[in-house]
Amino acid sequence: MNWYMAVLKKYATFSGRARRKEFWMFYLIYLIIVVVLSIIEQVIGIPGILSGIYTLALLVPTIAVTVRRLHDTGRSGWWWWIWLVPVIGWIAMLVFMVLDSQPGDNEYGPNPKAAAA
């Protein structure tokens, strides 16, 4: 939960860098919560309401952590828009998200991996 809370504490921080672990742990916990909310919605008969509110509430931190992850790989946050290109864009973004951190400092800040070690 620490990785999830760390992202939420940086709610609208689009500067800096985010490690792979921070990005993927946030998305894993986010996905688990959405699945649990969806199950609850099905049980009580209000499909899409709770998970929709949750998704909307976390839209800004989700974009922010993705932009910081792009920064960590040495890319501009503007690459976030590649999601809009069906299939090819999704594949490219997935590749960007699994790439290792750019070693050393880059124009977006110091390497968070080096600071954690």
N, C-alpha and C. Protein backbone atom coordinates (compact mmCIF):
# COMPACT_ATOMS: atom_id res chain seq x y z
N MET A 1 0.81 -1.20 0.00
CA MET A 1 0.00 0.00 0.00
C MET A 1 0.86 1.27 0.00
N ASN A 2 2.12 1.14 0.43
CA ASN A 2 2.98 2.33 0.48
C ASN A 2 3.16 2.96 -0.90
N TRP A 3 3.33 2.13 -1.94
CA TRP A 3 3.52 2.67 -3.28
C TRP A 3 2.27 3.39 -3.75
N TYR A 4 1.12 2.83 -3.41
CA TYR A 4 -0.16 3.42 -3.78
C TYR A 4 -0.33 4.77 -3.11
N MET A 5 -0.05 4.83 -1.82
CA MET A 5 -0.18 6.08 -1.07
C MET A 5 0.84 7.11 -1.52
N ALA A 6 2.02 6.67 -1.91
CA ALA A 6 3.04 7.60 -2.39
C ALA A 6 2.57 8.32 -3.64
N VAL A 7 1.89 7.59 -4.52
CA VAL A 7 1.36 8.21 -5.74
C VAL A 7 0.25 9.17 -5.38
N LEU A 8 -0.62 8.79 -4.45
CA LEU A 8 -1.73 9.67 -4.06
C LEU A 8 -1.23 10.94 -3.37
N LYS A 9 -0.11 10.84 -2.64
CA LYS A 9 0.46 12.03 -2.00
C LYS A 9 0.99 13.01 -3.05
N LYS A 10 1.37 12.50 -4.21
CA LYS A 10 1.83 13.34 -5.32
C LYS A 10 0.68 13.53 -6.31
N TYR A 11 -0.52 13.73 -5.80
CA TYR A 11 -1.78 13.72 -6.56
C TYR A 11 -1.67 14.35 -7.95
N ALA A 12 -1.17 15.57 -8.02
CA ALA A 12 -1.10 16.26 -9.31
C ALA A 12 0.33 16.70 -9.62
N THR A 13 1.30 15.92 -9.22
CA THR A 13 2.71 16.24 -9.47
C THR A 13 3.12 15.59 -10.79
N PHE A 14 3.31 16.43 -11.79
CA PHE A 14 3.68 15.94 -13.12
C PHE A 14 5.18 16.08 -13.37
N SER A 15 5.91 16.65 -12.42
CA SER A 15 7.35 16.80 -12.59
C SER A 15 8.05 15.69 -11.82
N GLY A 16 9.28 15.45 -12.17
CA GLY A 16 10.06 14.41 -11.51
C GLY A 16 9.96 13.07 -12.23
N ARG A 17 10.36 12.04 -11.52
CA ARG A 17 10.45 10.71 -12.12
C ARG A 17 9.78 9.69 -11.22
N ALA A 18 9.25 8.62 -11.81
CA ALA A 18 8.65 7.52 -11.05
C ALA A 18 9.27 6.21 -11.51
N ARG A 19 9.74 5.44 -10.55
CA ARG A 19 10.33 4.13 -10.86
C ARG A 19 9.27 3.18 -11.41
N ARG A 20 9.74 2.13 -12.05
CA ARG A 20 8.84 1.08 -12.54
C ARG A 20 7.99 0.52 -11.41
N LYS A 21 8.65 0.24 -10.29
CA LYS A 21 7.94 -0.37 -9.16
C LYS A 21 6.80 0.53 -8.67
N GLU A 22 7.06 1.82 -8.55
CA GLU A 22 6.02 2.77 -8.13
C GLU A 22 4.85 2.74 -9.10
N PHE A 23 5.15 2.80 -10.38
CA PHE A 23 4.11 2.81 -11.41
C PHE A 23 3.30 1.52 -11.40
N TRP A 24 3.96 0.38 -11.45
CA TRP A 24 3.25 -0.90 -11.57
C TRP A 24 2.53 -1.28 -10.29
N MET A 25 3.08 -0.97 -9.13
CA MET A 25 2.39 -1.27 -7.88
C MET A 25 1.14 -0.41 -7.74
N PHE A 26 1.23 0.85 -8.15
CA PHE A 26 0.05 1.72 -8.14
C PHE A 26 -1.04 1.12 -9.03
N TYR A 27 -0.67 0.74 -10.25
CA TYR A 27 -1.67 0.19 -11.18
C TYR A 27 -2.23 -1.14 -10.70
N LEU A 28 -1.41 -1.96 -10.06
CA LEU A 28 -1.89 -3.24 -9.54
C LEU A 28 -2.95 -3.03 -8.45
N ILE A 29 -2.64 -2.17 -7.49
CA ILE A 29 -3.59 -1.90 -6.41
C ILE A 29 -4.84 -1.22 -6.96
N TYR A 30 -4.65 -0.29 -7.89
CA TYR A 30 -5.76 0.40 -8.55
C TYR A 30 -6.69 -0.62 -9.21
N LEU A 31 -6.12 -1.56 -9.95
CA LEU A 31 -6.91 -2.58 -10.63
C LEU A 31 -7.64 -3.49 -9.65
N ILE A 32 -6.98 -3.88 -8.59
CA ILE A 32 -7.62 -4.73 -7.57
C ILE A 32 -8.82 -4.00 -6.96
N ILE A 33 -8.66 -2.72 -6.65
CA ILE A 33 -9.76 -1.95 -6.07
C ILE A 33 -10.91 -1.83 -7.06
N VAL A 34 -10.62 -1.59 -8.34
CA VAL A 34 -11.68 -1.49 -9.35
C VAL A 34 -12.42 -2.82 -9.47
N VAL A 35 -11.70 -3.94 -9.46
CA VAL A 35 -12.35 -5.25 -9.55
C VAL A 35 -13.26 -5.48 -8.34
N VAL A 36 -12.76 -5.18 -7.14
CA VAL A 36 -13.58 -5.35 -5.92
C VAL A 36 -14.82 -4.46 -5.98
N LEU A 37 -14.65 -3.21 -6.39
CA LEU A 37 -15.80 -2.31 -6.52
C LEU A 37 -16.80 -2.83 -7.55
N SER A 38 -16.31 -3.38 -8.64
CA SER A 38 -17.19 -3.93 -9.67
C SER A 38 -17.99 -5.12 -9.15
N ILE A 39 -17.36 -5.96 -8.35
CA ILE A 39 -18.06 -7.10 -7.75
C ILE A 39 -19.14 -6.60 -6.79
N ILE A 40 -18.80 -5.61 -5.97
CA ILE A 40 -19.78 -5.03 -5.04
C ILE A 40 -20.95 -4.43 -5.82
N GLU A 41 -20.63 -3.74 -6.92
CA GLU A 41 -21.69 -3.15 -7.75
C GLU A 41 -22.64 -4.22 -8.30
N GLN A 42 -22.09 -5.33 -8.74
CA GLN A 42 -22.92 -6.40 -9.28
C GLN A 42 -23.81 -7.00 -8.19
N VAL A 43 -23.25 -7.14 -6.99
CA VAL A 43 -24.01 -7.73 -5.89
C VAL A 43 -25.18 -6.83 -5.48
N ILE A 44 -24.94 -5.51 -5.40
CA ILE A 44 -26.01 -4.62 -4.95
C ILE A 44 -26.82 -4.02 -6.10
N GLY A 45 -26.44 -4.35 -7.33
CA GLY A 45 -27.24 -3.96 -8.49
C GLY A 45 -27.08 -2.54 -8.99
N ILE A 46 -25.90 -1.97 -8.84
CA ILE A 46 -25.65 -0.62 -9.38
C ILE A 46 -24.39 -0.64 -10.25
N PRO A 47 -24.41 -1.36 -11.36
CA PRO A 47 -23.19 -1.52 -12.17
C PRO A 47 -22.62 -0.20 -12.67
N GLY A 48 -21.32 -0.05 -12.48
CA GLY A 48 -20.59 1.08 -13.02
C GLY A 48 -20.53 2.32 -12.15
N ILE A 49 -21.33 2.40 -11.12
CA ILE A 49 -21.38 3.63 -10.32
C ILE A 49 -20.15 3.80 -9.44
N LEU A 50 -19.88 2.85 -8.56
CA LEU A 50 -18.76 2.97 -7.61
C LEU A 50 -17.42 2.97 -8.34
N SER A 51 -17.23 2.03 -9.25
CA SER A 51 -15.96 1.97 -9.98
C SER A 51 -15.77 3.19 -10.87
N GLY A 52 -16.86 3.73 -11.40
CA GLY A 52 -16.78 4.94 -12.22
C GLY A 52 -16.36 6.15 -11.40
N ILE A 53 -16.93 6.29 -10.22
CA ILE A 53 -16.57 7.40 -9.33
C ILE A 53 -15.11 7.27 -8.91
N TYR A 54 -14.70 6.06 -8.56
CA TYR A 54 -13.31 5.81 -8.15
C TYR A 54 -12.34 6.13 -9.29
N THR A 55 -12.66 5.67 -10.48
CA THR A 55 -11.80 5.91 -11.64
C THR A 55 -11.70 7.41 -11.93
N LEU A 56 -12.81 8.11 -11.86
CA LEU A 56 -12.81 9.55 -12.10
C LEU A 56 -12.00 10.28 -11.02
N ALA A 57 -12.14 9.85 -9.77
CA ALA A 57 -11.41 10.48 -8.67
C ALA A 57 -9.90 10.31 -8.82
N LEU A 58 -9.48 9.19 -9.42
CA LEU A 58 -8.05 8.92 -9.55
C LEU A 58 -7.51 9.21 -10.95
N LEU A 59 -8.26 9.90 -11.77
CA LEU A 59 -7.81 10.23 -13.12
C LEU A 59 -6.53 11.07 -13.10
N VAL A 60 -6.51 12.12 -12.30
CA VAL A 60 -5.33 13.01 -12.26
C VAL A 60 -4.09 12.27 -11.74
N PRO A 61 -4.15 11.56 -10.59
CA PRO A 61 -2.93 10.86 -10.16
C PRO A 61 -2.49 9.76 -11.11
N THR A 62 -3.43 9.15 -11.81
CA THR A 62 -3.08 8.11 -12.78
C THR A 62 -2.29 8.70 -13.94
N ILE A 63 -2.75 9.84 -14.44
CA ILE A 63 -2.02 10.52 -15.52
C ILE A 63 -0.68 11.01 -15.00
N ALA A 64 -0.66 11.55 -13.78
CA ALA A 64 0.59 12.10 -13.21
C ALA A 64 1.66 11.03 -13.05
N VAL A 65 1.29 9.86 -12.51
CA VAL A 65 2.30 8.81 -12.33
C VAL A 65 2.78 8.28 -13.69
N THR A 66 1.91 8.26 -14.68
CA THR A 66 2.32 7.83 -16.02
C THR A 66 3.29 8.83 -16.63
N VAL A 67 3.02 10.12 -16.45
CA VAL A 67 3.94 11.15 -16.97
C VAL A 67 5.29 11.05 -16.26
N ARG A 68 5.27 10.87 -14.95
CA ARG A 68 6.54 10.73 -14.21
C ARG A 68 7.29 9.48 -14.65
N ARG A 69 6.56 8.40 -14.97
CA ARG A 69 7.21 7.17 -15.46
C ARG A 69 7.85 7.43 -16.82
N LEU A 70 7.16 8.16 -17.68
CA LEU A 70 7.75 8.53 -18.97
C LEU A 70 9.01 9.36 -18.76
N HIS A 71 8.97 10.29 -17.81
CA HIS A 71 10.15 11.09 -17.50
C HIS A 71 11.31 10.20 -17.06
N ASP A 72 11.00 9.14 -16.31
CA ASP A 72 12.05 8.25 -15.82
C ASP A 72 12.75 7.52 -16.96
N THR A 73 12.04 7.32 -18.07
CA THR A 73 12.65 6.67 -19.22
C THR A 73 13.26 7.68 -20.20
N GLY A 74 13.25 8.97 -19.80
CA GLY A 74 13.85 10.01 -20.63
C GLY A 74 12.93 10.58 -21.69
N ARG A 75 11.63 10.35 -21.55
CA ARG A 75 10.66 10.86 -22.53
C ARG A 75 9.85 12.00 -21.94
N SER A 76 9.36 12.85 -22.80
CA SER A 76 8.48 13.94 -22.39
C SER A 76 7.14 13.36 -21.96
N GLY A 77 6.48 14.06 -21.06
CA GLY A 77 5.14 13.65 -20.64
C GLY A 77 4.12 13.72 -21.76
N TRP A 78 4.43 14.46 -22.80
CA TRP A 78 3.52 14.56 -23.95
C TRP A 78 3.34 13.22 -24.65
N TRP A 79 4.26 12.28 -24.41
CA TRP A 79 4.10 10.95 -24.97
C TRP A 79 2.86 10.26 -24.42
N TRP A 80 2.30 10.76 -23.32
CA TRP A 80 1.10 10.18 -22.74
C TRP A 80 -0.01 10.07 -23.78
N TRP A 81 -0.06 11.03 -24.68
CA TRP A 81 -1.12 11.08 -25.70
C TRP A 81 -1.06 9.93 -26.69
N ILE A 82 0.02 9.17 -26.71
CA ILE A 82 0.13 8.04 -27.64
C ILE A 82 -0.92 6.97 -27.33
N TRP A 83 -1.47 6.99 -26.09
CA TRP A 83 -2.55 6.06 -25.74
C TRP A 83 -3.72 6.18 -26.71
N LEU A 84 -3.89 7.35 -27.29
CA LEU A 84 -5.04 7.58 -28.18
C LEU A 84 -4.93 6.86 -29.52
N VAL A 85 -3.75 6.38 -29.85
CA VAL A 85 -3.57 5.63 -31.10
C VAL A 85 -3.89 4.16 -30.80
N PRO A 86 -4.98 3.65 -31.38
CA PRO A 86 -5.37 2.27 -31.06
C PRO A 86 -4.26 1.27 -31.39
N VAL A 87 -4.14 0.28 -30.59
CA VAL A 87 -3.23 -0.86 -30.67
C VAL A 87 -1.76 -0.45 -30.71
N ILE A 88 -1.31 0.22 -31.75
CA ILE A 88 0.10 0.61 -31.87
C ILE A 88 0.51 1.51 -30.70
N GLY A 89 -0.33 2.47 -30.38
CA GLY A 89 -0.05 3.38 -29.27
C GLY A 89 -0.02 2.65 -27.94
N TRP A 90 -0.94 1.72 -27.76
CA TRP A 90 -1.00 0.96 -26.51
C TRP A 90 0.25 0.10 -26.35
N ILE A 91 0.67 -0.52 -27.44
CA ILE A 91 1.87 -1.36 -27.40
C ILE A 91 3.10 -0.51 -27.10
N ALA A 92 3.20 0.65 -27.76
CA ALA A 92 4.34 1.54 -27.53
C ALA A 92 4.37 2.00 -26.08
N MET A 93 3.21 2.36 -25.53
CA MET A 93 3.16 2.83 -24.16
C MET A 93 3.53 1.70 -23.19
N LEU A 94 3.09 0.50 -23.46
CA LEU A 94 3.45 -0.64 -22.62
C LEU A 94 4.96 -0.85 -22.63
N VAL A 95 5.57 -0.74 -23.81
CA VAL A 95 7.03 -0.87 -23.90
C VAL A 95 7.71 0.22 -23.09
N PHE A 96 7.23 1.46 -23.21
CA PHE A 96 7.82 2.57 -22.45
C PHE A 96 7.73 2.31 -20.94
N MET A 97 6.60 1.77 -20.50
CA MET A 97 6.37 1.56 -19.08
C MET A 97 7.21 0.43 -18.49
N VAL A 98 7.63 -0.54 -19.31
CA VAL A 98 8.43 -1.64 -18.79
C VAL A 98 9.93 -1.40 -18.94
N LEU A 99 10.32 -0.37 -19.67
CA LEU A 99 11.75 -0.06 -19.81
C LEU A 99 12.35 0.34 -18.48
N ASP A 100 13.63 0.06 -18.31
CA ASP A 100 14.33 0.43 -17.09
C ASP A 100 14.51 1.94 -17.05
N SER A 101 14.80 2.44 -15.86
CA SER A 101 15.06 3.87 -15.67
C SER A 101 16.25 4.30 -16.49
N GLN A 102 16.22 5.55 -16.95
CA GLN A 102 17.39 6.11 -17.60
C GLN A 102 18.45 6.31 -16.52
N PRO A 103 19.64 5.77 -16.71
CA PRO A 103 20.65 5.86 -15.65
C PRO A 103 21.07 7.30 -15.37
N GLY A 104 21.36 7.56 -14.12
CA GLY A 104 21.82 8.89 -13.73
C GLY A 104 20.72 9.93 -13.81
N ASP A 105 21.12 11.17 -13.65
CA ASP A 105 20.17 12.28 -13.73
C ASP A 105 19.78 12.51 -15.19
N ASN A 106 18.57 13.00 -15.40
CA ASN A 106 18.18 13.46 -16.72
C ASN A 106 17.49 14.82 -16.56
N GLU A 107 16.93 15.35 -17.61
CA GLU A 107 16.35 16.69 -17.54
C GLU A 107 15.14 16.77 -16.61
N TYR A 108 14.63 15.63 -16.18
CA TYR A 108 13.45 15.60 -15.31
C TYR A 108 13.80 15.39 -13.85
N GLY A 109 15.07 15.19 -13.54
CA GLY A 109 15.49 15.06 -12.16
C GLY A 109 16.44 13.91 -11.95
N PRO A 110 16.79 13.69 -10.67
CA PRO A 110 17.70 12.59 -10.36
C PRO A 110 17.02 11.25 -10.49
N ASN A 111 17.80 10.22 -10.69
CA ASN A 111 17.28 8.86 -10.82
C ASN A 111 16.73 8.41 -9.47
N PRO A 112 15.43 8.13 -9.37
CA PRO A 112 14.87 7.68 -8.09
C PRO A 112 15.38 6.31 -7.66
N LYS A 113 15.84 5.53 -8.61
CA LYS A 113 16.39 4.22 -8.30
C LYS A 113 17.69 4.37 -7.52
N ALA A 114 18.51 5.35 -7.90
CA ALA A 114 19.78 5.58 -7.20
C ALA A 114 19.52 6.12 -5.80
N ALA A 115 18.49 6.93 -5.64
CA ALA A 115 18.17 7.49 -4.33
C ALA A 115 17.66 6.43 -3.38
N ALA A 116 16.97 5.41 -3.91
CA ALA A 116 16.41 4.36 -3.08
C ALA A 116 17.45 3.34 -2.64
N ALA A 117 18.55 3.26 -3.38
CA ALA A 117 19.57 2.25 -3.07
C ALA A 117 20.43 2.63 -1.91
